[in-house]
C-alpha atoms as a PDB file:
ATOM      1  CA  MET A   1      19.963  11.820 -19.604  1.00  0.00           C
ATOM      2  CA  LYS A   2      21.317  11.513 -16.071  1.00  0.00           C
ATOM      3  CA  ALA A   3      20.694   8.237 -14.255  1.00  0.00           C
ATOM      4  CA  LYS A   4      18.096   8.070 -11.475  1.00  0.00           C
ATOM      5  CA  LEU A   5      17.525   6.662  -8.022  1.00  0.00           C
ATOM      6  CA  TYR A   6      14.436   4.437  -7.788  1.00  0.00           C
ATOM      7  CA  LEU A   7      12.650   3.708  -4.510  1.00  0.00           C
ATOM      8  CA  ILE A   8      11.517   0.102  -4.895  1.00  0.00           C
ATOM      9  CA  PRO A   9       8.650  -1.334  -2.832  1.00  0.00           C
ATOM     10  CA  THR A  10       8.744  -4.888  -1.504  1.00  0.00           C
ATOM     11  CA  THR A  11       6.075  -7.210  -0.166  1.00  0.00           C
ATOM     12  CA  LEU A  12       5.112  -6.938   3.520  1.00  0.00           C
ATOM     13  CA  GLY A  13       5.727 -10.622   4.126  1.00  0.00           C
ATOM     14  CA  VAL A  14       5.314 -13.951   2.380  1.00  0.00           C
ATOM     15  CA  SER A  15       2.655 -13.035  -0.144  1.00  0.00           C
ATOM     16  CA  PRO A  16       2.392 -13.328  -3.959  1.00  0.00           C
ATOM     17  CA  VAL A  17       4.393 -10.541  -5.596  1.00  0.00           C
ATOM     18  CA  ASN A  18       1.733 -10.111  -8.288  1.00  0.00           C
ATOM     19  CA  SER A  19      -0.903  -9.211  -5.691  1.00  0.00           C
ATOM     20  CA  VAL A  20       0.889  -6.114  -4.354  1.00  0.00           C
ATOM     21  CA  ILE A  21       3.621  -5.089  -6.824  1.00  0.00           C
ATOM     22  CA  PRO A  22       2.477  -3.471 -10.127  1.00  0.00           C
ATOM     23  CA  GLU A  23       3.745  -4.884 -13.420  1.00  0.00           C
ATOM     24  CA  ASP A  24       5.543  -1.637 -14.341  1.00  0.00           C
ATOM     25  CA  VAL A  25       7.486  -1.798 -11.074  1.00  0.00           C
ATOM     26  CA  LYS A  26       8.517  -5.387 -11.784  1.00  0.00           C
ATOM     27  CA  LYS A  27       9.762  -4.349 -15.234  1.00  0.00           C
ATOM     28  CA  LYS A  28      11.908  -1.596 -13.724  1.00  0.00           C
ATOM     29  CA  ILE A  29      13.350  -3.977 -11.125  1.00  0.00           C
ATOM     30  CA  ILE A  30      14.387  -6.387 -13.888  1.00  0.00           C
ATOM     31  CA  GLU A  31      16.160  -3.560 -15.756  1.00  0.00           C
ATOM     32  CA  LEU A  32      18.286  -2.463 -12.796  1.00  0.00           C
ATOM     33  CA  LYS A  33      21.826  -3.739 -12.206  1.00  0.00           C
ATOM     34  CA  TYR A  34      22.678  -1.785  -9.038  1.00  0.00           C
ATOM     35  CA  PHE A  35      20.842  -1.992  -5.722  1.00  0.00           C
ATOM     36  CA  ILE A  36      21.177  -0.416  -2.280  1.00  0.00           C
ATOM     37  CA  VAL A  37      19.675  -2.880   0.192  1.00  0.00           C
ATOM     38  CA  GLU A  38      19.151  -3.282   3.917  1.00  0.00           C
ATOM     39  CA  ASN A  39      19.903  -7.005   3.926  1.00  0.00           C
ATOM     40  CA  LEU A  40      21.738  -8.762   1.106  1.00  0.00           C
ATOM     41  CA  ARG A  41      20.202 -12.200   1.590  1.00  0.00           C
ATOM     42  CA  SER A  42      16.569 -11.083   1.738  1.00  0.00           C
ATOM     43  CA  ALA A  43      17.106  -8.666  -1.173  1.00  0.00           C
ATOM     44  CA  ARG A  44      18.400 -11.473  -3.382  1.00  0.00           C
ATOM     45  CA  ARG A  45      15.465 -13.664  -2.363  1.00  0.00           C
ATOM     46  CA  TYR A  46      12.971 -10.913  -3.210  1.00  0.00           C
ATOM     47  CA  LEU A  47      14.492 -10.238  -6.627  1.00  0.00           C
ATOM     48  CA  LYS A  48      14.205 -13.938  -7.476  1.00  0.00           C
ATOM     49  CA  LEU A  49      10.537 -13.844  -6.465  1.00  0.00           C
ATOM     50  CA  VAL A  50       9.978 -10.900  -8.797  1.00  0.00           C
ATOM     51  CA  GLU A  51      11.629 -12.702 -11.731  1.00  0.00           C
ATOM     52  CA  LYS A  52      13.220 -16.150 -11.577  1.00  0.00           C
ATOM     53  CA  SER A  53      15.399 -15.463 -14.627  1.00  0.00           C
ATOM     54  CA  ILE A  54      17.289 -12.597 -12.902  1.00  0.00           C
ATOM     55  CA  ASN A  55      20.993 -13.455 -12.735  1.00  0.00           C
ATOM     56  CA  ILE A  56      21.941 -12.368  -9.218  1.00  0.00           C
ATOM     57  CA  ASP A  57      25.653 -12.722  -9.980  1.00  0.00           C
ATOM     58  CA  GLU A  58      25.400  -9.948 -12.579  1.00  0.00           C
ATOM     59  CA  LEU A  59      24.070  -7.466 -10.016  1.00  0.00           C
ATOM     60  CA  THR A  60      25.960  -5.145  -7.681  1.00  0.00           C
ATOM     61  CA  PHE A  61      24.690  -4.658  -4.130  1.00  0.00           C
ATOM     62  CA  PHE A  62      25.512  -2.057  -1.476  1.00  0.00           C
ATOM     63  CA  GLU A  63      24.336  -2.818   2.065  1.00  0.00           C
ATOM     64  CA  LEU A  64      22.840   0.061   4.028  1.00  0.00           C
ATOM     65  CA  ASN A  65      21.992  -0.747   7.638  1.00  0.00           C
ATOM     66  CA  LYS A  66      23.065   0.060  11.202  1.00  0.00           C
ATOM     67  CA  HIS A  67      26.497  -1.470  10.528  1.00  0.00           C
ATOM     68  CA  THR A  68      27.239   0.782   7.533  1.00  0.00           C
ATOM     69  CA  LYS A  69      29.825   3.471   8.186  1.00  0.00           C
ATOM     70  CA  LYS A  70      28.684   7.035   7.477  1.00  0.00           C
ATOM     71  CA  GLY A  71      31.555   7.697   5.101  1.00  0.00           C
ATOM     72  CA  GLU A  72      30.683   4.721   2.890  1.00  0.00           C
ATOM     73  CA  ILE A  73      27.202   5.913   1.982  1.00  0.00           C
ATOM     74  CA  TYR A  74      28.251   8.624  -0.471  1.00  0.00           C
ATOM     75  CA  SER A  75      30.075   6.095  -2.668  1.00  0.00           C
ATOM     76  CA  PHE A  76      26.889   4.027  -3.060  1.00  0.00           C
ATOM     77  CA  LEU A  77      25.656   6.593  -5.586  1.00  0.00           C
ATOM     78  CA  ASP A  78      28.793   6.466  -7.741  1.00  0.00           C
ATOM     79  CA  PRO A  79      27.157   4.225 -10.392  1.00  0.00           C
ATOM     80  CA  ILE A  80      24.677   7.034 -11.107  1.00  0.00           C
ATOM     81  CA  GLU A  81      27.553   9.370 -11.920  1.00  0.00           C
ATOM     82  CA  ASN A  82      28.571   6.745 -14.503  1.00  0.00           C
ATOM     83  CA  GLY A  83      25.109   6.625 -16.066  1.00  0.00           C
ATOM     84  CA  ASN A  84      23.627   3.645 -14.200  1.00  0.00           C
ATOM     85  CA  ASP A  85      20.250   3.735 -12.472  1.00  0.00           C
ATOM     86  CA  ILE A  86      20.132   2.450  -8.883  1.00  0.00           C
ATOM     87  CA  GLY A  87      17.282   0.958  -6.885  1.00  0.00           C
ATOM     88  CA  ILE A  88      16.819   1.102  -3.102  1.00  0.00           C
ATOM     89  CA  LEU A  89      15.200  -1.940  -1.496  1.00  0.00           C
ATOM     90  CA  SER A  90      13.692  -1.932   1.991  1.00  0.00           C
ATOM     91  CA  GLU A  91      13.147  -5.076   4.059  1.00  0.00           C
ATOM     92  CA  ALA A  92       9.391  -4.569   3.824  1.00  0.00           C
ATOM     93  CA  GLY A  93       7.158  -1.992   2.190  1.00  0.00           C
ATOM     94  CA  ASN A  94       8.605   1.296   0.964  1.00  0.00           C
ATOM     95  CA  PRO A  95      12.162   2.583   1.451  1.00  0.00           C
ATOM     96  CA  GLY A  96      12.643   5.649   3.628  1.00  0.00           C
ATOM     97  CA  ILE A  97       9.855   4.971   6.158  1.00  0.00           C
ATOM     98  CA  ALA A  98      11.214   3.444   9.377  1.00  0.00           C
ATOM     99  CA  ASP A  99      14.116   2.511   7.120  1.00  0.00           C
ATOM    100  CA  PRO A 100      17.712   3.747   6.600  1.00  0.00           C
ATOM    101  CA  GLY A 101      17.035   4.419   2.910  1.00  0.00           C
ATOM    102  CA  SER A 102      16.162   8.028   3.736  1.00  0.00           C
ATOM    103  CA  ASP A 103      19.888   8.737   4.252  1.00  0.00           C
ATOM    104  CA  ILE A 104      20.622   7.843   0.637  1.00  0.00           C
ATOM    105  CA  VAL A 105      17.639   9.823  -0.650  1.00  0.00           C
ATOM    106  CA  LYS A 106      18.853  12.902   1.213  1.00  0.00           C
ATOM    107  CA  ILE A 107      22.295  12.621  -0.394  1.00  0.00           C
ATOM    108  CA  ALA A 108      20.695  12.094  -3.811  1.00  0.00           C
ATOM    109  CA  HIS A 109      18.832  15.399  -3.494  1.00  0.00           C
ATOM    110  CA  GLN A 110      22.053  17.132  -2.465  1.00  0.00           C
ATOM    111  CA  LYS A 111      23.715  15.743  -5.606  1.00  0.00           C
ATOM    112  CA  ARG A 112      20.745  16.837  -7.753  1.00  0.00           C
ATOM    113  CA  ILE A 113      19.956  13.230  -8.632  1.00  0.00           C
ATOM    114  CA  ARG A 114      16.347  12.609  -9.608  1.00  0.00           C
ATOM    115  CA  VAL A 115      14.520  10.429  -7.066  1.00  0.00           C
ATOM    116  CA  ILE A 116      11.619   8.333  -8.372  1.00  0.00           C
ATOM    117  CA  PRO A 117       9.243   6.596  -5.902  1.00  0.00           C
ATOM    118  CA  LEU A 118       7.582   3.459  -7.233  1.00  0.00           C
ATOM    119  CA  VAL A 119       4.111   2.319  -6.198  1.00  0.00           C
ATOM    120  CA  GLY A 120       3.835  -0.456  -3.625  1.00  0.00           C
ATOM    121  CA  PRO A 121       2.383  -1.447  -0.231  1.00  0.00           C
ATOM    122  CA  SER A 122       2.915   0.642   2.913  1.00  0.00           C
ATOM    123  CA  SER A 123       1.776  -1.047   6.125  1.00  0.00           C
ATOM    124  CA  ILE A 124       1.452   2.362   7.795  1.00  0.00           C
ATOM    125  CA  LEU A 125      -0.903   3.854   5.212  1.00  0.00           C
ATOM    126  CA  LEU A 126      -2.841   0.631   4.658  1.00  0.00           C
ATOM    127  CA  ALA A 127      -3.418   0.373   8.406  1.00  0.00           C
ATOM    128  CA  LEU A 128      -4.495   4.021   8.617  1.00  0.00           C
ATOM    129  CA  ILE A 129      -7.026   3.872   5.794  1.00  0.00           C
ATOM    130  CA  SER A 130      -8.441   0.661   7.255  1.00  0.00           C
ATOM    131  CA  SER A 131      -8.741   2.022  10.791  1.00  0.00           C
ATOM    132  CA  GLY A 132     -11.644   4.443  10.356  1.00  0.00           C
ATOM    133  CA  MET A 133      -9.621   7.106  12.159  1.00  0.00           C
ATOM    134  CA  ASN A 134      -8.695  10.636  11.107  1.00  0.00           C
ATOM    135  CA  GLY A 135      -6.733  10.440   7.859  1.00  0.00           C
ATOM    136  CA  GLN A 136      -6.480  14.233   7.473  1.00  0.00           C
ATOM    137  CA  ASN A 137      -4.319  14.800  10.535  1.00  0.00           C
ATOM    138  CA  PHE A 138      -2.051  11.974  11.657  1.00  0.00           C
ATOM    139  CA  ALA A 139       1.489  11.290  12.868  1.00  0.00           C
ATOM    140  CA  PHE A 140       3.751   8.258  12.553  1.00  0.00           C
ATOM    141  CA  ASN A 141       5.855   7.878  15.706  1.00  0.00           C
ATOM    142  CA  GLY A 142       7.987   4.875  14.790  1.00  0.00           C
ATOM    143  CA  TYR A 143       8.966   2.704  17.750  1.00  0.00           C
ATOM    144  CA  LEU A 144       8.039   3.715  21.293  1.00  0.00           C
ATOM    145  CA  PRO A 145      10.494   3.394  24.229  1.00  0.00           C
ATOM    146  CA  VAL A 146      11.221  -0.175  25.353  1.00  0.00           C
ATOM    147  CA  GLN A 147      11.236   0.499  29.098  1.00  0.00           C
ATOM    148  CA  LYS A 148       7.726   0.115  30.526  1.00  0.00           C
ATOM    149  CA  GLY A 149       7.727   3.407  32.438  1.00  0.00           C
ATOM    150  CA  ASP A 150       8.988   5.426  29.488  1.00  0.00           C
ATOM    151  CA  LYS A 151       6.604   3.637  27.157  1.00  0.00           C
ATOM    152  CA  ARG A 152       3.576   4.490  29.296  1.00  0.00           C
ATOM    153  CA  LYS A 153       4.636   8.137  29.493  1.00  0.00           C
ATOM    154  CA  LYS A 154       4.883   8.202  25.703  1.00  0.00           C
ATOM    155  CA  LEU A 155       1.486   6.542  25.321  1.00  0.00           C
ATOM    156  CA  LEU A 156      -0.136   9.113  27.600  1.00  0.00           C
ATOM    157  CA  TYR A 157       1.588  11.899  25.672  1.00  0.00           C
ATOM    158  CA  LEU A 158       0.322  10.535  22.337  1.00  0.00           C
ATOM    159  CA  GLU A 159      -3.181  10.031  23.707  1.00  0.00           C
ATOM    160  CA  ASN A 160      -3.319  13.607  25.033  1.00  0.00           C
ATOM    161  CA  LYS A 161      -1.961  14.964  21.756  1.00  0.00           C
ATOM    162  CA  SER A 162      -4.546  12.974  19.820  1.00  0.00           C
ATOM    163  CA  LYS A 163      -7.325  14.454  21.933  1.00  0.00           C
ATOM    164  CA  SER A 164      -6.112  18.061  21.926  1.00  0.00           C
ATOM    165  CA  GLU A 165      -5.208  18.187  18.223  1.00  0.00           C
ATOM    166  CA  ASN A 166      -7.654  15.612  16.806  1.00  0.00           C
ATOM    167  CA  GLN A 167      -4.591  13.830  15.478  1.00  0.00           C
ATOM    168  CA  THR A 168      -4.415  10.099  14.818  1.00  0.00           C
ATOM    169  CA  GLN A 169      -1.279   8.552  16.365  1.00  0.00           C
ATOM    170  CA  ILE A 170       0.444   5.654  14.597  1.00  0.00           C
ATOM    171  CA  PHE A 171       3.307   3.550  15.955  1.00  0.00           C
ATOM    172  CA  MET A 172       4.846   0.103  15.722  1.00  0.00           C
ATOM    173  CA  GLU A 173       6.714  -2.471  17.788  1.00  0.00           C
ATOM    174  CA  THR A 174       9.185  -5.294  17.238  1.00  0.00           C
ATOM    175  CA  PRO A 175       6.945  -8.331  16.519  1.00  0.00           C
ATOM    176  CA  PHE A 176       8.065 -10.414  19.509  1.00  0.00           C
ATOM    177  CA  ARG A 177       7.092  -7.554  21.843  1.00  0.00           C
ATOM    178  CA  ASN A 178       3.630  -7.008  20.323  1.00  0.00           C
ATOM    179  CA  MET A 179       1.644  -8.588  23.142  1.00  0.00           C
ATOM    180  CA  GLY A 180       3.526  -6.533  25.730  1.00  0.00           C
ATOM    181  CA  MET A 181       2.733  -3.390  23.749  1.00  0.00           C
ATOM    182  CA  LEU A 182      -0.942  -4.311  23.548  1.00  0.00           C
ATOM    183  CA  GLU A 183      -1.121  -4.904  27.296  1.00  0.00           C
ATOM    184  CA  ASP A 184       0.598  -1.571  28.011  1.00  0.00           C
ATOM    185  CA  ILE A 185      -1.843   0.273  25.733  1.00  0.00           C
ATOM    186  CA  ILE A 186      -4.834  -1.358  27.417  1.00  0.00           C
ATOM    187  CA  GLN A 187      -3.523  -0.592  30.913  1.00  0.00           C
ATOM    188  CA  THR A 188      -2.504   2.988  30.109  1.00  0.00           C
ATOM    189  CA  CYS A 189      -5.058   4.564  27.782  1.00  0.00           C
ATOM    190  CA  ASN A 190      -8.550   5.817  28.584  1.00  0.00           C
ATOM    191  CA  LYS A 191     -11.353   3.287  28.147  1.00  0.00           C
ATOM    192  CA  ASN A 192     -12.980   5.462  25.455  1.00  0.00           C
ATOM    193  CA  THR A 193      -9.828   5.852  23.354  1.00  0.00           C
ATOM    194  CA  MET A 194     -10.065   3.989  20.058  1.00  0.00           C
ATOM    195  CA  LEU A 195      -7.343   1.492  19.172  1.00  0.00           C
ATOM    196  CA  CYS A 196      -6.726  -0.138  15.797  1.00  0.00           C
ATOM    197  CA  VAL A 197      -4.545  -3.243  15.657  1.00  0.00           C
ATOM    198  CA  ALA A 198      -3.408  -4.124  12.127  1.00  0.00           C
ATOM    199  CA  ALA A 199      -1.260  -7.247  11.732  1.00  0.00           C
ATOM    200  CA  ASP A 200       0.027  -9.218   8.736  1.00  0.00           C
ATOM    201  CA  ILE A 201      -1.289  -6.614   6.310  1.00  0.00           C
ATOM    202  CA  THR A 202      -1.764  -8.005   2.747  1.00  0.00           C
ATOM    203  CA  LEU A 203      -1.027 -11.559   3.953  1.00  0.00           C
ATOM    204  CA  GLU A 204      -3.511 -14.434   4.156  1.00  0.00           C
ATOM    205  CA  THR A 205      -3.470 -14.066   7.965  1.00  0.00           C
ATOM    206  CA  GLU A 206      -4.298 -10.336   7.821  1.00  0.00           C
ATOM    207  CA  PHE A 207      -6.005  -8.968  10.929  1.00  0.00           C
ATOM    208  CA  ILE A 208      -7.356  -5.402  11.152  1.00  0.00           C
ATOM    209  CA  LYS A 209      -9.733  -4.374  13.909  1.00  0.00           C
ATOM    210  CA  THR A 210     -10.681  -1.046  15.544  1.00  0.00           C
ATOM    211  CA  LYS A 211     -12.373  -0.996  18.953  1.00  0.00           C
ATOM    212  CA  SER A 212     -12.384   1.081  22.118  1.00  0.00           C
ATOM    213  CA  ILE A 213      -9.927   0.254  24.888  1.00  0.00           C
ATOM    214  CA  ALA A 214     -12.893  -0.927  26.966  1.00  0.00           C
ATOM    215  CA  GLU A 215     -13.849  -3.398  24.239  1.00  0.00           C
ATOM    216  CA  TRP A 216     -10.268  -4.610  23.759  1.00  0.00           C
ATOM    217  CA  LYS A 217     -10.073  -5.453  27.473  1.00  0.00           C
ATOM    218  CA  LYS A 218     -12.536  -8.293  26.836  1.00  0.00           C
ATOM    219  CA  GLY A 219      -9.924 -10.102  24.752  1.00  0.00           C
ATOM    220  CA  LEU A 220      -6.662  -9.441  22.920  1.00  0.00           C
ATOM    221  CA  PRO A 221      -5.791 -10.857  19.485  1.00  0.00           C
ATOM    222  CA  PRO A 222      -2.864 -13.315  19.203  1.00  0.00           C
ATOM    223  CA  ILE A 223      -0.401 -11.120  17.289  1.00  0.00           C
ATOM    224  CA  ASN A 224       2.839 -12.246  18.915  1.00  0.00           C
ATOM    225  CA  LYS A 225       5.696 -12.358  16.359  1.00  0.00           C
ATOM    226  CA  ARG A 226       3.415 -10.937  13.639  1.00  0.00           C
ATOM    227  CA  PRO A 227       4.319  -7.577  11.996  1.00  0.00           C
ATOM    228  CA  ALA A 228       1.798  -5.067  13.333  1.00  0.00           C
ATOM    229  CA  ILE A 229       0.831  -1.403  13.311  1.00  0.00           C
ATOM    230  CA  PHE A 230      -0.936   0.245  16.265  1.00  0.00           C
ATOM    231  CA  ILE A 231      -3.151   3.318  15.893  1.00  0.00           C
ATOM    232  CA  ILE A 232      -4.895   5.316  18.617  1.00  0.00           C
ATOM    233  CA  GLN A 233      -7.342   8.203  18.557  1.00  0.00           C
ATOM    234  CA  ALA A 234      -8.769   9.765  21.704  1.00  0.00           C
END
């Protein structure tokens, strides 16, 4: 039987592995000897959290991030051609969403390699189902522009699209810019537009709240440097 590519979920922060990663997923992680990872150091740390007895020195890692050359990626799947399963590890949550792992998955399909997604936490979906907003028609927009003017144009575009298509709009920001994003949303969007702020999902400090822009103007939550998802619906 041909080897497979496994999409391995990770925790969304410093939280007990047992609380968010199923036992069957942990067993598969322990079996694997080859991994494609975004960051070598954090991947090793995560594997040790999953199972302390894992011998890291016996494993082979391929780093896939913004520094990886395009031509190198194809060789990352060579172990599969030799009968070895490979796992892809994201920095947080599931590979392939706001994550370079999708490049490897695309190549795997081209090579007719079976891709197997494993169950684990997704901050995007957990935020959506907790928001009370439309879960039948939604869009994930990744990161919005950094420049204030461009960001506000994008926010207005997403708000108008949400209203015209009844489509929930989901996006994120680099944690240290969270408060700036919140302020821009409050200053830009209509007072009746609903905004969900979901930070530190699955962690002890988890914060998830949905209110209108008018209500948020009375006080903003302290989410600076905390991983967060923002959701709007007009």
